[in-house]
Amino acid sequence: GLTNSRGGRASDEKDMQRRRKEEELEERDRQMLVEMERIRQVLARAVLKKWIHKSIGHAWSKWCDEVRQKNVIKKMVLRWQHRLNTQAWHSWECMVEKQKQLRVSITK
């Protein structure tokens, strides 16, 4: 048969080249799989971070809304108390004024 420069058969060298190419392709495939796994993990972490930040942001917004709502309620309660105190003070002043008028009318 045909021989190459080293005295071996030419088909053996072709087989070796084919095997080397297959090994290189397998190695590239393995590297791609490793890289894809790394990318998948990075993306999974990114998704998790995004979800966590979204969750934290939602909790923060909810807390701020609750605080705002509590402040609104607090202000309403303070206004209500102020109005009640004002009405009580006004009715007390009216009562004192009526008593003064009664004393004056009795003394006359």
N, C-alpha and C. Protein backbone atom coordinates (compact mmCIF):
# COMPACT_ATOMS: atom_id res chain seq x y z
N GLY A 1 0.81 -1.19 0.00
CA GLY A 1 0.00 0.00 0.00
C GLY A 1 0.84 1.24 0.00
N LEU A 2 0.19 2.38 0.09
CA LEU A 2 0.88 3.66 0.13
C LEU A 2 1.50 3.85 1.50
N THR A 3 2.71 4.44 1.53
CA THR A 3 3.34 4.72 2.81
C THR A 3 3.64 6.20 2.92
N ASN A 4 3.67 6.69 4.15
CA ASN A 4 4.02 8.10 4.33
C ASN A 4 5.53 8.22 4.55
N SER A 5 6.02 9.41 4.87
CA SER A 5 7.46 9.63 4.97
C SER A 5 8.09 8.85 6.11
N ARG A 6 7.31 8.49 7.10
CA ARG A 6 7.85 7.75 8.24
C ARG A 6 7.78 6.23 8.03
N GLY A 7 7.26 5.82 6.92
CA GLY A 7 7.19 4.40 6.65
C GLY A 7 5.86 3.78 7.04
N GLY A 8 4.92 4.54 7.60
CA GLY A 8 3.62 4.01 7.99
C GLY A 8 2.66 4.11 6.84
N ARG A 9 1.50 3.60 7.03
CA ARG A 9 0.50 3.68 5.95
C ARG A 9 -0.17 5.05 5.96
N ALA A 10 -0.53 5.53 4.77
CA ALA A 10 -1.18 6.85 4.64
C ALA A 10 -2.54 6.85 5.29
N SER A 11 -3.25 5.72 5.24
CA SER A 11 -4.59 5.67 5.84
C SER A 11 -4.50 5.77 7.36
N ASP A 12 -3.40 5.27 7.95
CA ASP A 12 -3.21 5.41 9.40
C ASP A 12 -3.08 6.87 9.79
N GLU A 13 -2.35 7.62 8.99
CA GLU A 13 -2.19 9.05 9.29
C GLU A 13 -3.52 9.79 9.15
N LYS A 14 -4.29 9.41 8.14
CA LYS A 14 -5.61 10.03 7.97
C LYS A 14 -6.51 9.71 9.17
N ASP A 15 -6.44 8.46 9.62
CA ASP A 15 -7.21 8.07 10.81
C ASP A 15 -6.78 8.88 12.01
N MET A 16 -5.48 9.06 12.18
CA MET A 16 -4.96 9.85 13.31
C MET A 16 -5.44 11.29 13.21
N GLN A 17 -5.38 11.87 12.01
CA GLN A 17 -5.84 13.25 11.83
C GLN A 17 -7.34 13.36 12.15
N ARG A 18 -8.10 12.36 11.67
CA ARG A 18 -9.54 12.36 11.92
C ARG A 18 -9.80 12.25 13.43
N ARG A 19 -9.04 11.38 14.11
CA ARG A 19 -9.21 11.22 15.56
C ARG A 19 -8.85 12.53 16.30
N ARG A 20 -7.76 13.18 15.85
CA ARG A 20 -7.36 14.45 16.46
C ARG A 20 -8.46 15.49 16.30
N LYS A 21 -9.01 15.57 15.08
CA LYS A 21 -10.10 16.52 14.83
C LYS A 21 -11.30 16.22 15.72
N GLU A 22 -11.62 14.91 15.82
CA GLU A 22 -12.75 14.53 16.68
C GLU A 22 -12.49 14.89 18.13
N GLU A 23 -11.25 14.65 18.59
CA GLU A 23 -10.89 15.00 19.96
C GLU A 23 -10.97 16.51 20.17
N GLU A 24 -10.47 17.27 19.18
CA GLU A 24 -10.55 18.73 19.28
C GLU A 24 -12.00 19.18 19.34
N LEU A 25 -12.85 18.58 18.50
CA LEU A 25 -14.28 18.93 18.51
C LEU A 25 -14.92 18.56 19.86
N GLU A 26 -14.55 17.37 20.37
CA GLU A 26 -15.08 16.97 21.68
C GLU A 26 -14.64 17.94 22.76
N GLU A 27 -13.36 18.35 22.71
CA GLU A 27 -12.84 19.30 23.70
C GLU A 27 -13.57 20.64 23.59
N ARG A 28 -13.77 21.09 22.32
CA ARG A 28 -14.53 22.34 22.12
C ARG A 28 -15.94 22.21 22.66
N ASP A 29 -16.57 21.05 22.39
CA ASP A 29 -17.93 20.81 22.90
C ASP A 29 -17.95 20.86 24.43
N ARG A 30 -16.94 20.21 25.05
CA ARG A 30 -16.85 20.23 26.52
C ARG A 30 -16.68 21.65 27.03
N GLN A 31 -15.80 22.41 26.36
CA GLN A 31 -15.58 23.80 26.77
C GLN A 31 -16.85 24.62 26.61
N MET A 32 -17.56 24.39 25.49
CA MET A 32 -18.82 25.12 25.28
C MET A 32 -19.83 24.76 26.35
N LEU A 33 -19.91 23.47 26.71
CA LEU A 33 -20.84 23.06 27.77
C LEU A 33 -20.49 23.72 29.09
N VAL A 34 -19.18 23.74 29.40
CA VAL A 34 -18.73 24.39 30.63
C VAL A 34 -19.08 25.88 30.60
N GLU A 35 -18.81 26.51 29.47
CA GLU A 35 -19.11 27.94 29.32
C GLU A 35 -20.61 28.20 29.42
N MET A 36 -21.41 27.34 28.77
CA MET A 36 -22.86 27.51 28.84
C MET A 36 -23.37 27.33 30.27
N GLU A 37 -22.80 26.38 30.99
CA GLU A 37 -23.19 26.18 32.39
C GLU A 37 -22.83 27.40 33.23
N ARG A 38 -21.62 27.94 32.96
CA ARG A 38 -21.20 29.15 33.68
C ARG A 38 -22.14 30.31 33.39
N ILE A 39 -22.49 30.47 32.11
CA ILE A 39 -23.42 31.54 31.72
C ILE A 39 -24.78 31.33 32.37
N ARG A 40 -25.24 30.07 32.40
CA ARG A 40 -26.53 29.76 33.02
C ARG A 40 -26.51 30.13 34.50
N GLN A 41 -25.40 29.80 35.18
CA GLN A 41 -25.28 30.14 36.60
C GLN A 41 -25.27 31.65 36.81
N VAL A 42 -24.52 32.35 35.94
CA VAL A 42 -24.47 33.82 36.04
C VAL A 42 -25.86 34.41 35.84
N LEU A 43 -26.56 33.91 34.81
CA LEU A 43 -27.91 34.41 34.54
C LEU A 43 -28.86 34.08 35.69
N ALA A 44 -28.71 32.88 36.24
CA ALA A 44 -29.55 32.50 37.38
C ALA A 44 -29.31 33.43 38.55
N ARG A 45 -28.03 33.75 38.80
CA ARG A 45 -27.71 34.69 39.88
C ARG A 45 -28.29 36.07 39.58
N ALA A 46 -28.18 36.48 38.32
CA ALA A 46 -28.71 37.80 37.93
C ALA A 46 -30.22 37.84 38.12
N VAL A 47 -30.89 36.76 37.71
CA VAL A 47 -32.35 36.71 37.88
C VAL A 47 -32.70 36.74 39.36
N LEU A 48 -31.95 35.98 40.16
CA LEU A 48 -32.20 35.95 41.60
C LEU A 48 -31.99 37.33 42.20
N LYS A 49 -30.87 37.98 41.81
CA LYS A 49 -30.61 39.34 42.32
C LYS A 49 -31.73 40.29 41.93
N LYS A 50 -32.15 40.20 40.68
CA LYS A 50 -33.22 41.07 40.20
C LYS A 50 -34.49 40.83 41.00
N TRP A 51 -34.81 39.57 41.24
CA TRP A 51 -36.02 39.22 42.00
C TRP A 51 -35.91 39.74 43.42
N ILE A 52 -34.71 39.57 44.03
CA ILE A 52 -34.51 40.03 45.41
C ILE A 52 -34.64 41.55 45.48
N HIS A 53 -33.99 42.26 44.54
CA HIS A 53 -34.08 43.72 44.54
C HIS A 53 -35.51 44.18 44.32
N LYS A 54 -36.22 43.49 43.44
CA LYS A 54 -37.62 43.83 43.19
C LYS A 54 -38.44 43.61 44.45
N SER A 55 -38.18 42.50 45.12
CA SER A 55 -38.89 42.17 46.36
C SER A 55 -38.59 43.21 47.44
N ILE A 56 -37.32 43.57 47.57
CA ILE A 56 -36.93 44.58 48.56
C ILE A 56 -37.56 45.92 48.21
N GLY A 57 -37.53 46.27 46.93
CA GLY A 57 -38.15 47.53 46.50
C GLY A 57 -39.63 47.55 46.79
N HIS A 58 -40.29 46.42 46.53
CA HIS A 58 -41.73 46.34 46.80
C HIS A 58 -41.99 46.49 48.30
N ALA A 59 -41.19 45.82 49.12
CA ALA A 59 -41.35 45.92 50.58
C ALA A 59 -41.11 47.35 51.05
N TRP A 60 -40.10 48.00 50.49
CA TRP A 60 -39.78 49.38 50.85
C TRP A 60 -40.95 50.31 50.48
N SER A 61 -41.47 50.13 49.27
CA SER A 61 -42.60 50.96 48.83
C SER A 61 -43.81 50.75 49.74
N LYS A 62 -44.07 49.49 50.06
CA LYS A 62 -45.20 49.17 50.92
C LYS A 62 -45.02 49.81 52.30
N TRP A 63 -43.80 49.70 52.83
CA TRP A 63 -43.52 50.30 54.14
C TRP A 63 -43.71 51.81 54.10
N CYS A 64 -43.18 52.44 53.04
CA CYS A 64 -43.32 53.90 52.90
C CYS A 64 -44.80 54.29 52.81
N ASP A 65 -45.57 53.52 52.03
CA ASP A 65 -47.00 53.81 51.92
C ASP A 65 -47.69 53.67 53.27
N GLU A 66 -47.31 52.64 54.03
CA GLU A 66 -47.92 52.45 55.34
C GLU A 66 -47.57 53.60 56.28
N VAL A 67 -46.30 54.01 56.24
CA VAL A 67 -45.87 55.14 57.09
C VAL A 67 -46.63 56.40 56.69
N ARG A 68 -46.73 56.62 55.37
CA ARG A 68 -47.46 57.79 54.88
C ARG A 68 -48.92 57.73 55.34
N GLN A 69 -49.50 56.53 55.22
CA GLN A 69 -50.90 56.35 55.63
C GLN A 69 -51.05 56.60 57.12
N LYS A 70 -50.07 56.08 57.92
CA LYS A 70 -50.12 56.30 59.37
C LYS A 70 -50.01 57.79 59.68
N ASN A 71 -49.13 58.48 58.95
CA ASN A 71 -48.99 59.92 59.18
C ASN A 71 -50.27 60.65 58.83
N VAL A 72 -50.92 60.24 57.75
CA VAL A 72 -52.20 60.86 57.37
C VAL A 72 -53.23 60.61 58.46
N ILE A 73 -53.28 59.36 58.94
CA ILE A 73 -54.23 59.03 60.01
C ILE A 73 -53.90 59.82 61.27
N LYS A 74 -52.60 59.91 61.58
CA LYS A 74 -52.17 60.67 62.77
C LYS A 74 -52.63 62.13 62.66
N LYS A 75 -52.43 62.72 61.47
CA LYS A 75 -52.86 64.11 61.28
C LYS A 75 -54.37 64.24 61.42
N MET A 76 -55.11 63.26 60.86
CA MET A 76 -56.56 63.31 60.97
C MET A 76 -56.99 63.23 62.43
N VAL A 77 -56.35 62.34 63.20
CA VAL A 77 -56.68 62.20 64.62
C VAL A 77 -56.36 63.50 65.36
N LEU A 78 -55.21 64.09 65.04
CA LEU A 78 -54.85 65.35 65.70
C LEU A 78 -55.85 66.46 65.37
N ARG A 79 -56.28 66.54 64.11
CA ARG A 79 -57.29 67.53 63.73
C ARG A 79 -58.60 67.29 64.46
N TRP A 80 -58.98 66.01 64.53
CA TRP A 80 -60.21 65.64 65.21
C TRP A 80 -60.13 66.02 66.69
N GLN A 81 -58.98 65.71 67.34
CA GLN A 81 -58.80 66.08 68.75
C GLN A 81 -58.84 67.59 68.92
N HIS A 82 -58.16 68.28 68.00
CA HIS A 82 -58.13 69.74 68.08
C HIS A 82 -59.55 70.31 67.96
N ARG A 83 -60.31 69.74 66.98
CA ARG A 83 -61.67 70.22 66.80
C ARG A 83 -62.52 69.95 68.04
N LEU A 84 -62.39 68.75 68.62
CA LEU A 84 -63.14 68.43 69.84
C LEU A 84 -62.73 69.34 71.00
N ASN A 85 -61.42 69.57 71.13
CA ASN A 85 -60.95 70.47 72.19
C ASN A 85 -61.47 71.88 71.98
N THR A 86 -61.47 72.32 70.74
CA THR A 86 -61.97 73.66 70.43
C THR A 86 -63.47 73.75 70.74
N GLN A 87 -64.22 72.73 70.33
CA GLN A 87 -65.66 72.73 70.63
C GLN A 87 -65.90 72.71 72.14
N ALA A 88 -65.14 71.89 72.87
CA ALA A 88 -65.31 71.82 74.33
C ALA A 88 -64.97 73.16 74.97
N TRP A 89 -63.89 73.76 74.50
CA TRP A 89 -63.49 75.07 75.04
C TRP A 89 -64.57 76.11 74.76
N HIS A 90 -65.07 76.09 73.53
CA HIS A 90 -66.11 77.05 73.13
C HIS A 90 -67.38 76.85 73.97
N SER A 91 -67.80 75.60 74.15
CA SER A 91 -69.01 75.34 74.95
C SER A 91 -68.77 75.74 76.41
N TRP A 92 -67.57 75.51 76.93
CA TRP A 92 -67.27 75.91 78.31
C TRP A 92 -67.33 77.43 78.43
N GLU A 93 -66.73 78.15 77.46
CA GLU A 93 -66.79 79.63 77.48
C GLU A 93 -68.23 80.12 77.43
N CYS A 94 -69.05 79.47 76.59
CA CYS A 94 -70.47 79.84 76.48
C CYS A 94 -71.17 79.63 77.82
N MET A 95 -70.88 78.51 78.48
CA MET A 95 -71.50 78.22 79.77
C MET A 95 -71.09 79.27 80.81
N VAL A 96 -69.78 79.62 80.84
CA VAL A 96 -69.30 80.63 81.78
C VAL A 96 -69.98 81.96 81.51
N GLU A 97 -70.12 82.32 80.23
CA GLU A 97 -70.76 83.59 79.85
C GLU A 97 -72.23 83.60 80.28
N LYS A 98 -72.92 82.46 80.10
CA LYS A 98 -74.33 82.38 80.52
C LYS A 98 -74.44 82.52 82.03
N GLN A 99 -73.52 81.87 82.77
CA GLN A 99 -73.55 81.99 84.23
C GLN A 99 -73.33 83.43 84.66
N LYS A 100 -72.38 84.12 83.97
CA LYS A 100 -72.15 85.55 84.28
C LYS A 100 -73.42 86.35 84.05
N GLN A 101 -74.08 86.09 82.89
CA GLN A 101 -75.31 86.83 82.58
C GLN A 101 -76.40 86.54 83.60
N LEU A 102 -76.49 85.25 84.04
CA LEU A 102 -77.47 84.90 85.05
C LEU A 102 -77.18 85.64 86.36
N ARG A 103 -75.92 85.71 86.80
CA ARG A 103 -75.55 86.42 88.02
C ARG A 103 -75.89 87.89 87.91
N VAL A 104 -75.59 88.45 86.74
CA VAL A 104 -75.88 89.87 86.55
C VAL A 104 -77.37 90.12 86.59
N SER A 105 -78.14 89.24 85.92
CA SER A 105 -79.60 89.45 85.90
C SER A 105 -80.19 89.22 87.28
N ILE A 106 -79.63 88.34 88.11
CA ILE A 106 -80.14 88.09 89.46
C ILE A 106 -79.82 89.25 90.36
N THR A 107 -78.64 89.85 90.22
CA THR A 107 -78.25 90.96 91.09
C THR A 107 -79.01 92.24 90.77
N LYS A 108 -79.54 92.37 89.57
CA LYS A 108 -80.24 93.61 89.20
C LYS A 108 -81.59 93.69 89.79
